[in-house]
C-alpha cells in the first residue's frame, strides 16, 4: 500500500518538469506526469469519491499533474483545484496506490479513508481482517466542519 502526498505524489509518475532546468525522473509507478504551473493552488478542498463519500483537506501546490489513460483519480474536486486546476480530478487511486495533493489533515479528517488504507495494508499482510470499529465521533465532526469551510 502506498500513500504519497504532494511532492511524493508527483514523483510516483514518470517525471516532473520544472520551469527551468532538467526534467526530474519519477519512479514510474503510475502513468502520470507533472509540470510546474504558473500559480500556486492553495485552499480547502472537498473531493467526491466514486463511492459517493467525500474527502476533505488542504492543497498548496503549483505542480500540475496529469493522469494517463486508465489511471483513476481519487475523486473529483467539488471545491478546490485538484490535480491541475483544469479537469477538477484530485489525486489518483490505482489498486493500493494512492497519490494526492490533500495535505496535513487527510487522515484525521477522513476516518473512512484512513480505515480503508489500514484495512488494505493489514489484508495484504494477514489476509482478510474484521477489525473492531473505533469511535470516530471527533474525526467525523472535524470532517463535517471541514465541509463548511470556505475554499
N, C-alpha and C. Protein backbone atom coordinates (compact mmCIF):
# COMPACT_ATOMS: atom_id res chain seq x y z
N UNK A 1 0.85 -1.16 0.00
CA UNK A 1 0.00 0.00 0.00
C UNK A 1 0.90 1.23 0.00
N UNK A 2 0.59 2.18 -0.86
CA UNK A 2 1.37 3.41 -0.96
C UNK A 2 0.43 4.59 -0.82
N UNK A 3 0.79 5.54 0.04
CA UNK A 3 0.10 6.83 0.12
C UNK A 3 1.17 7.90 -0.03
N UNK A 4 1.08 8.67 -1.11
CA UNK A 4 2.05 9.74 -1.36
C UNK A 4 1.31 11.07 -1.46
N UNK A 5 1.88 12.09 -0.82
CA UNK A 5 1.25 13.40 -0.77
C UNK A 5 2.18 14.43 -1.41
N UNK A 6 1.61 15.30 -2.22
CA UNK A 6 2.25 16.45 -2.85
C UNK A 6 3.50 16.05 -3.65
N UNK A 7 4.69 16.43 -3.22
CA UNK A 7 5.89 16.11 -3.99
C UNK A 7 6.09 14.62 -4.16
N UNK A 8 5.76 13.84 -3.15
CA UNK A 8 5.83 12.38 -3.27
C UNK A 8 4.85 11.86 -4.30
N UNK A 9 3.67 12.46 -4.34
CA UNK A 9 2.66 12.11 -5.35
C UNK A 9 3.20 12.40 -6.74
N UNK A 10 3.79 13.57 -6.93
CA UNK A 10 4.32 13.94 -8.24
C UNK A 10 5.37 12.94 -8.72
N UNK A 11 6.17 12.43 -7.81
CA UNK A 11 7.25 11.52 -8.21
C UNK A 11 6.80 10.08 -8.39
N UNK A 12 5.53 9.77 -8.11
CA UNK A 12 5.00 8.44 -8.44
C UNK A 12 4.93 8.25 -9.95
N UNK A 13 4.80 9.36 -10.67
CA UNK A 13 4.66 9.31 -12.12
C UNK A 13 5.99 9.22 -12.84
N UNK A 14 5.94 9.49 -14.15
CA UNK A 14 7.14 9.36 -14.99
C UNK A 14 8.14 10.48 -14.79
N UNK A 15 7.64 11.72 -14.61
CA UNK A 15 8.57 12.85 -14.47
C UNK A 15 7.87 14.07 -13.90
N UNK A 16 8.71 15.01 -13.41
CA UNK A 16 8.29 16.35 -13.02
C UNK A 16 9.10 17.31 -13.87
N UNK A 17 8.44 18.20 -14.57
CA UNK A 17 9.12 19.17 -15.44
C UNK A 17 9.06 20.54 -14.76
N UNK A 18 10.21 21.03 -14.23
CA UNK A 18 10.22 22.35 -13.60
C UNK A 18 10.23 23.46 -14.66
N UNK A 19 10.03 24.70 -14.21
CA UNK A 19 10.09 25.84 -15.15
C UNK A 19 11.45 25.91 -15.82
N UNK A 20 12.49 25.71 -15.04
CA UNK A 20 13.86 25.77 -15.56
C UNK A 20 14.61 24.51 -15.14
N UNK A 21 15.58 24.17 -15.91
CA UNK A 21 16.39 23.02 -15.56
C UNK A 21 15.86 21.73 -16.14
N UNK A 22 16.58 20.67 -15.88
CA UNK A 22 16.22 19.38 -16.49
C UNK A 22 14.97 18.76 -15.85
N UNK A 23 14.36 17.93 -16.63
CA UNK A 23 13.22 17.14 -16.17
C UNK A 23 13.69 16.20 -15.06
N UNK A 24 12.90 16.06 -14.01
CA UNK A 24 13.24 15.17 -12.91
C UNK A 24 12.50 13.86 -13.09
N UNK A 25 13.23 12.77 -13.18
CA UNK A 25 12.60 11.46 -13.37
C UNK A 25 11.84 11.05 -12.12
N UNK A 26 10.65 10.51 -12.36
CA UNK A 26 9.88 9.92 -11.27
C UNK A 26 10.16 8.43 -11.22
N UNK A 27 9.42 7.71 -10.41
CA UNK A 27 9.64 6.27 -10.28
C UNK A 27 8.74 5.46 -11.21
N UNK A 28 7.88 6.13 -11.96
CA UNK A 28 7.01 5.49 -12.96
C UNK A 28 6.17 4.35 -12.38
N UNK A 29 5.73 4.52 -11.15
CA UNK A 29 4.85 3.53 -10.54
C UNK A 29 3.45 3.60 -11.14
N UNK A 30 3.09 4.80 -11.62
CA UNK A 30 1.79 5.01 -12.27
C UNK A 30 2.00 5.83 -13.54
N UNK A 31 1.04 5.76 -14.44
CA UNK A 31 1.10 6.53 -15.68
C UNK A 31 0.58 7.94 -15.42
N UNK A 32 1.50 8.82 -15.06
CA UNK A 32 1.17 10.21 -14.77
C UNK A 32 2.43 11.04 -14.95
N UNK A 33 2.25 12.34 -15.10
CA UNK A 33 3.40 13.25 -15.12
C UNK A 33 2.95 14.60 -14.56
N UNK A 34 3.93 15.40 -14.14
CA UNK A 34 3.65 16.70 -13.53
C UNK A 34 4.53 17.75 -14.17
N UNK A 35 3.94 18.92 -14.42
CA UNK A 35 4.69 20.07 -14.92
C UNK A 35 4.48 21.23 -13.95
N UNK A 36 5.48 22.09 -13.87
CA UNK A 36 5.38 23.26 -13.00
C UNK A 36 4.32 24.20 -13.55
N UNK A 37 3.47 24.71 -12.68
CA UNK A 37 2.45 25.67 -13.07
C UNK A 37 2.92 27.08 -12.80
N UNK A 38 2.13 28.04 -13.24
CA UNK A 38 2.46 29.46 -13.07
C UNK A 38 1.85 30.07 -11.82
N UNK A 39 0.93 29.35 -11.17
CA UNK A 39 0.30 29.89 -9.96
C UNK A 39 0.17 28.78 -8.91
N UNK A 40 0.24 29.22 -7.66
CA UNK A 40 0.03 28.27 -6.56
C UNK A 40 -1.46 28.04 -6.38
N UNK A 41 -1.81 26.82 -6.15
CA UNK A 41 -3.19 26.44 -5.87
C UNK A 41 -3.27 26.14 -4.38
N UNK A 42 -3.89 27.05 -3.65
CA UNK A 42 -3.90 26.98 -2.19
C UNK A 42 -5.34 27.10 -1.71
N UNK A 43 -5.72 26.24 -0.79
CA UNK A 43 -7.03 26.38 -0.17
C UNK A 43 -7.62 25.06 0.26
N UNK A 44 -8.79 25.16 0.86
CA UNK A 44 -9.52 23.97 1.29
C UNK A 44 -10.07 23.24 0.08
N UNK A 45 -10.16 21.93 0.21
CA UNK A 45 -10.60 21.08 -0.89
C UNK A 45 -11.65 20.10 -0.37
N UNK A 46 -12.68 19.89 -1.19
CA UNK A 46 -13.64 18.82 -0.95
C UNK A 46 -13.64 17.94 -2.18
N UNK A 47 -13.45 16.66 -1.98
CA UNK A 47 -13.38 15.70 -3.08
C UNK A 47 -14.54 14.71 -2.94
N UNK A 48 -15.26 14.52 -4.02
CA UNK A 48 -16.32 13.50 -4.04
C UNK A 48 -15.73 12.26 -4.69
N UNK A 49 -15.79 11.14 -3.97
CA UNK A 49 -15.26 9.88 -4.48
C UNK A 49 -16.32 9.14 -5.27
N UNK A 50 -15.89 8.17 -6.05
CA UNK A 50 -16.80 7.38 -6.87
C UNK A 50 -17.86 6.68 -6.03
N UNK A 51 -17.52 6.31 -4.80
CA UNK A 51 -18.48 5.63 -3.92
C UNK A 51 -19.38 6.62 -3.16
N UNK A 52 -19.37 7.89 -3.56
CA UNK A 52 -20.20 8.98 -3.02
C UNK A 52 -19.71 9.50 -1.67
N UNK A 53 -18.62 8.95 -1.12
CA UNK A 53 -18.05 9.53 0.10
C UNK A 53 -17.27 10.78 -0.28
N UNK A 54 -16.98 11.60 0.73
CA UNK A 54 -16.19 12.80 0.48
C UNK A 54 -14.88 12.72 1.25
N UNK A 55 -13.88 13.38 0.69
CA UNK A 55 -12.61 13.60 1.38
C UNK A 55 -12.46 15.11 1.53
N UNK A 56 -11.88 15.54 2.65
CA UNK A 56 -11.60 16.95 2.85
C UNK A 56 -10.11 17.10 3.13
N UNK A 57 -9.58 18.25 2.78
CA UNK A 57 -8.17 18.51 3.02
C UNK A 57 -7.80 19.91 2.60
N UNK A 58 -6.51 20.15 2.52
CA UNK A 58 -5.96 21.46 2.17
C UNK A 58 -4.91 21.24 1.10
N UNK A 59 -4.99 22.01 0.02
CA UNK A 59 -3.98 21.90 -1.04
C UNK A 59 -3.08 23.13 -1.03
N UNK A 60 -1.82 22.92 -1.40
CA UNK A 60 -0.85 24.00 -1.52
C UNK A 60 0.23 23.52 -2.49
N UNK A 61 -0.02 23.73 -3.78
CA UNK A 61 0.91 23.23 -4.80
C UNK A 61 0.83 24.10 -6.05
N UNK A 62 1.90 24.10 -6.82
CA UNK A 62 1.87 24.75 -8.14
C UNK A 62 2.08 23.72 -9.25
N UNK A 63 2.45 22.51 -8.87
CA UNK A 63 2.59 21.45 -9.87
C UNK A 63 1.24 21.08 -10.45
N UNK A 64 1.24 20.76 -11.73
CA UNK A 64 0.03 20.36 -12.43
C UNK A 64 0.21 18.91 -12.88
N UNK A 65 -0.53 18.02 -12.24
CA UNK A 65 -0.38 16.59 -12.50
C UNK A 65 -1.46 16.12 -13.47
N UNK A 66 -1.03 15.34 -14.44
CA UNK A 66 -1.93 14.80 -15.46
C UNK A 66 -1.86 13.28 -15.41
N UNK A 67 -3.01 12.65 -15.30
CA UNK A 67 -3.08 11.19 -15.23
C UNK A 67 -3.17 10.60 -16.62
N UNK A 68 -2.53 9.46 -16.82
CA UNK A 68 -2.60 8.75 -18.10
C UNK A 68 -3.93 8.03 -18.24
N UNK A 69 -4.15 7.53 -19.44
CA UNK A 69 -5.38 6.77 -19.71
C UNK A 69 -5.43 5.54 -18.79
N UNK A 70 -6.58 5.29 -18.24
CA UNK A 70 -6.75 4.13 -17.39
C UNK A 70 -6.35 4.32 -15.94
N UNK A 71 -5.82 5.50 -15.59
CA UNK A 71 -5.47 5.78 -14.20
C UNK A 71 -6.65 6.53 -13.58
N UNK A 72 -7.19 6.00 -12.52
CA UNK A 72 -8.35 6.60 -11.86
C UNK A 72 -7.93 7.69 -10.90
N UNK A 73 -8.68 8.77 -10.89
CA UNK A 73 -8.49 9.81 -9.89
C UNK A 73 -9.00 9.31 -8.55
N UNK A 74 -8.49 9.87 -7.48
CA UNK A 74 -9.00 9.59 -6.15
C UNK A 74 -10.45 10.07 -6.05
N UNK A 75 -10.75 11.13 -6.77
CA UNK A 75 -12.11 11.67 -6.81
C UNK A 75 -12.13 12.97 -7.59
N UNK A 76 -13.27 13.64 -7.54
CA UNK A 76 -13.45 14.91 -8.25
C UNK A 76 -13.51 16.05 -7.23
N UNK A 77 -12.70 17.08 -7.46
CA UNK A 77 -12.70 18.24 -6.57
C UNK A 77 -13.96 19.06 -6.82
N UNK A 78 -14.87 19.07 -5.84
CA UNK A 78 -16.06 19.91 -5.97
C UNK A 78 -15.81 21.28 -5.35
N UNK A 79 -14.80 21.38 -4.51
CA UNK A 79 -14.25 22.64 -4.03
C UNK A 79 -12.75 22.50 -4.14
N UNK A 80 -12.09 23.51 -4.70
CA UNK A 80 -10.64 23.46 -4.85
C UNK A 80 -10.23 23.16 -6.28
N UNK A 81 -8.93 23.05 -6.49
CA UNK A 81 -8.36 22.93 -7.83
C UNK A 81 -8.09 21.52 -8.30
N UNK A 82 -7.76 20.63 -7.37
CA UNK A 82 -7.42 19.27 -7.77
C UNK A 82 -6.04 19.17 -8.38
N UNK A 83 -5.85 18.15 -9.21
CA UNK A 83 -4.53 17.81 -9.76
C UNK A 83 -3.86 18.93 -10.55
N UNK A 84 -4.65 19.66 -11.33
CA UNK A 84 -4.02 20.60 -12.27
C UNK A 84 -4.79 21.89 -12.47
N UNK A 85 -5.87 22.09 -11.76
CA UNK A 85 -6.66 23.31 -11.91
C UNK A 85 -7.48 23.35 -13.18
N UNK A 86 -7.53 22.24 -13.91
CA UNK A 86 -8.23 22.21 -15.19
C UNK A 86 -9.36 21.19 -15.21
N UNK A 87 -9.06 19.94 -14.91
CA UNK A 87 -10.07 18.88 -15.08
C UNK A 87 -10.82 18.53 -13.79
N UNK A 88 -10.47 19.19 -12.68
CA UNK A 88 -11.11 19.00 -11.38
C UNK A 88 -10.88 17.62 -10.76
N UNK A 89 -10.06 16.78 -11.38
CA UNK A 89 -9.73 15.49 -10.78
C UNK A 89 -8.70 15.73 -9.68
N UNK A 90 -8.82 14.98 -8.59
CA UNK A 90 -7.89 15.10 -7.47
C UNK A 90 -7.26 13.74 -7.19
N UNK A 91 -5.93 13.75 -7.14
CA UNK A 91 -5.20 12.56 -6.75
C UNK A 91 -5.35 11.41 -7.72
N UNK A 92 -4.90 10.25 -7.27
CA UNK A 92 -5.06 9.03 -8.06
C UNK A 92 -5.25 7.86 -7.12
N UNK A 93 -5.94 6.87 -7.64
CA UNK A 93 -6.17 5.62 -6.91
C UNK A 93 -6.03 4.49 -7.91
N UNK A 94 -4.95 3.74 -7.78
CA UNK A 94 -4.68 2.62 -8.68
C UNK A 94 -4.34 1.41 -7.82
N UNK A 95 -5.32 0.52 -7.66
CA UNK A 95 -5.11 -0.62 -6.76
C UNK A 95 -4.93 -0.13 -5.34
N UNK A 96 -3.78 -0.41 -4.77
CA UNK A 96 -3.49 0.06 -3.41
C UNK A 96 -2.46 1.18 -3.43
N UNK A 97 -2.40 1.90 -4.54
CA UNK A 97 -1.51 3.06 -4.67
C UNK A 97 -2.39 4.30 -4.70
N UNK A 98 -2.10 5.23 -3.78
CA UNK A 98 -2.85 6.47 -3.69
C UNK A 98 -1.89 7.65 -3.71
N UNK A 99 -2.23 8.66 -4.48
CA UNK A 99 -1.49 9.90 -4.51
C UNK A 99 -2.48 11.04 -4.37
N UNK A 100 -2.07 12.13 -3.73
CA UNK A 100 -2.99 13.24 -3.52
C UNK A 100 -2.24 14.53 -3.23
N UNK A 101 -2.94 15.64 -3.46
CA UNK A 101 -2.45 16.95 -3.04
C UNK A 101 -3.09 17.37 -1.72
N UNK A 102 -3.88 16.52 -1.09
CA UNK A 102 -4.53 16.86 0.18
C UNK A 102 -3.51 16.72 1.31
N UNK A 103 -3.18 17.85 1.91
CA UNK A 103 -2.13 17.92 2.93
C UNK A 103 -2.67 17.71 4.34
N UNK A 104 -1.74 17.53 5.25
CA UNK A 104 -1.93 17.63 6.68
C UNK A 104 -3.01 16.78 7.29
N UNK A 105 -4.21 17.24 7.18
CA UNK A 105 -5.30 16.60 7.91
C UNK A 105 -6.01 15.52 7.11
N UNK A 106 -5.39 14.99 6.08
CA UNK A 106 -6.05 13.99 5.24
C UNK A 106 -6.58 12.82 6.06
N UNK A 107 -5.76 12.20 6.86
CA UNK A 107 -6.21 11.00 7.59
C UNK A 107 -7.06 11.33 8.82
N UNK A 108 -6.69 12.31 9.65
CA UNK A 108 -7.54 12.60 10.81
C UNK A 108 -8.94 13.10 10.46
N UNK A 109 -9.08 13.81 9.36
CA UNK A 109 -10.40 14.35 8.99
C UNK A 109 -11.17 13.46 8.03
N UNK A 110 -10.60 12.33 7.68
CA UNK A 110 -11.25 11.39 6.76
C UNK A 110 -11.13 9.98 7.31
N UNK A 111 -11.83 9.68 8.42
CA UNK A 111 -11.63 8.38 9.08
C UNK A 111 -12.00 7.19 8.20
N UNK A 112 -12.97 7.32 7.31
CA UNK A 112 -13.31 6.19 6.43
C UNK A 112 -12.15 5.86 5.49
N UNK A 113 -11.48 6.90 4.99
CA UNK A 113 -10.33 6.69 4.11
C UNK A 113 -9.17 6.08 4.90
N UNK A 114 -8.95 6.58 6.11
CA UNK A 114 -7.89 6.01 6.97
C UNK A 114 -8.17 4.53 7.23
N UNK A 115 -9.43 4.20 7.50
CA UNK A 115 -9.80 2.80 7.72
C UNK A 115 -9.56 1.95 6.47
N UNK A 116 -9.86 2.50 5.30
CA UNK A 116 -9.61 1.78 4.04
C UNK A 116 -8.13 1.46 3.88
N UNK A 117 -7.27 2.45 4.13
CA UNK A 117 -5.83 2.23 3.99
C UNK A 117 -5.33 1.19 4.99
N UNK A 118 -5.80 1.28 6.22
CA UNK A 118 -5.39 0.29 7.23
C UNK A 118 -5.87 -1.10 6.85
N UNK A 119 -7.10 -1.20 6.40
CA UNK A 119 -7.65 -2.49 6.00
C UNK A 119 -6.86 -3.10 4.85
N UNK A 120 -6.54 -2.29 3.85
CA UNK A 120 -5.77 -2.80 2.71
C UNK A 120 -4.38 -3.25 3.15
N UNK A 121 -3.76 -2.47 4.02
CA UNK A 121 -2.42 -2.83 4.49
C UNK A 121 -2.44 -4.13 5.29
N UNK A 122 -3.38 -4.24 6.20
CA UNK A 122 -3.48 -5.45 7.03
C UNK A 122 -3.85 -6.68 6.21
N UNK A 123 -4.76 -6.50 5.25
CA UNK A 123 -5.19 -7.63 4.41
C UNK A 123 -4.03 -8.20 3.61
N UNK A 124 -3.18 -7.32 3.14
CA UNK A 124 -2.04 -7.80 2.35
C UNK A 124 -1.12 -8.67 3.20
N UNK A 125 -0.95 -8.27 4.43
CA UNK A 125 -0.02 -8.98 5.32
C UNK A 125 -0.67 -10.19 6.01
N UNK A 126 -1.92 -10.01 6.46
CA UNK A 126 -2.55 -11.02 7.31
C UNK A 126 -3.81 -11.65 6.73
N UNK A 127 -4.19 -11.29 5.52
CA UNK A 127 -5.45 -11.78 4.96
C UNK A 127 -6.61 -10.94 5.46
N UNK A 128 -7.79 -11.33 5.10
CA UNK A 128 -8.99 -10.57 5.45
C UNK A 128 -9.10 -10.37 6.96
N UNK A 129 -9.38 -9.15 7.35
CA UNK A 129 -9.46 -8.81 8.77
C UNK A 129 -10.81 -8.16 9.08
N UNK A 130 -11.40 -8.52 10.19
CA UNK A 130 -12.60 -7.85 10.71
C UNK A 130 -12.18 -7.10 11.96
N UNK A 131 -11.87 -5.84 11.79
CA UNK A 131 -11.42 -5.04 12.92
C UNK A 131 -12.60 -4.48 13.69
N UNK A 132 -12.43 -4.38 14.97
CA UNK A 132 -13.44 -3.77 15.82
C UNK A 132 -13.45 -2.27 15.52
N UNK A 133 -14.62 -1.71 15.21
CA UNK A 133 -14.68 -0.28 14.89
C UNK A 133 -14.24 0.58 16.08
N UNK A 134 -13.54 1.66 15.77
CA UNK A 134 -13.15 2.64 16.78
C UNK A 134 -14.19 3.76 16.80
N UNK A 135 -14.21 4.50 17.88
CA UNK A 135 -15.10 5.65 17.98
C UNK A 135 -14.50 6.79 17.15
N UNK A 136 -15.13 7.09 16.01
CA UNK A 136 -14.65 8.14 15.11
C UNK A 136 -15.45 9.43 15.27
N UNK A 137 -16.11 9.61 16.41
CA UNK A 137 -17.00 10.76 16.58
C UNK A 137 -16.28 12.09 16.36
N UNK A 138 -15.13 12.28 16.97
CA UNK A 138 -14.40 13.55 16.82
C UNK A 138 -13.91 13.74 15.39
N UNK A 139 -13.40 12.67 14.79
CA UNK A 139 -12.92 12.75 13.42
C UNK A 139 -14.07 13.06 12.46
N UNK A 140 -15.22 12.45 12.70
CA UNK A 140 -16.39 12.70 11.85
C UNK A 140 -16.86 14.14 12.02
N UNK A 141 -16.82 14.67 13.25
CA UNK A 141 -17.17 16.08 13.47
C UNK A 141 -16.21 17.00 12.72
N UNK A 142 -14.92 16.69 12.77
CA UNK A 142 -13.93 17.50 12.05
C UNK A 142 -14.19 17.45 10.55
N UNK A 143 -14.54 16.27 10.04
CA UNK A 143 -14.85 16.11 8.61
C UNK A 143 -16.06 16.98 8.24
N UNK A 144 -17.12 16.88 9.03
CA UNK A 144 -18.33 17.66 8.75
C UNK A 144 -18.04 19.16 8.81
N UNK A 145 -17.24 19.58 9.78
CA UNK A 145 -16.88 21.01 9.89
C UNK A 145 -16.08 21.45 8.68
N UNK A 146 -15.16 20.63 8.22
CA UNK A 146 -14.34 20.98 7.05
C UNK A 146 -15.19 21.13 5.80
N UNK A 147 -16.31 20.42 5.73
CA UNK A 147 -17.20 20.56 4.58
C UNK A 147 -17.83 21.94 4.49
N UNK A 148 -17.81 22.70 5.60
CA UNK A 148 -18.43 24.03 5.62
C UNK A 148 -17.42 25.16 5.47
N UNK A 149 -16.14 24.86 5.42
CA UNK A 149 -15.11 25.90 5.34
C UNK A 149 -15.08 26.54 3.95
N UNK A 150 -14.72 27.83 3.88
CA UNK A 150 -14.58 28.46 2.56
C UNK A 150 -13.39 27.88 1.80
N UNK A 151 -13.43 27.99 0.50
CA UNK A 151 -12.37 27.43 -0.37
C UNK A 151 -11.03 28.05 -0.12
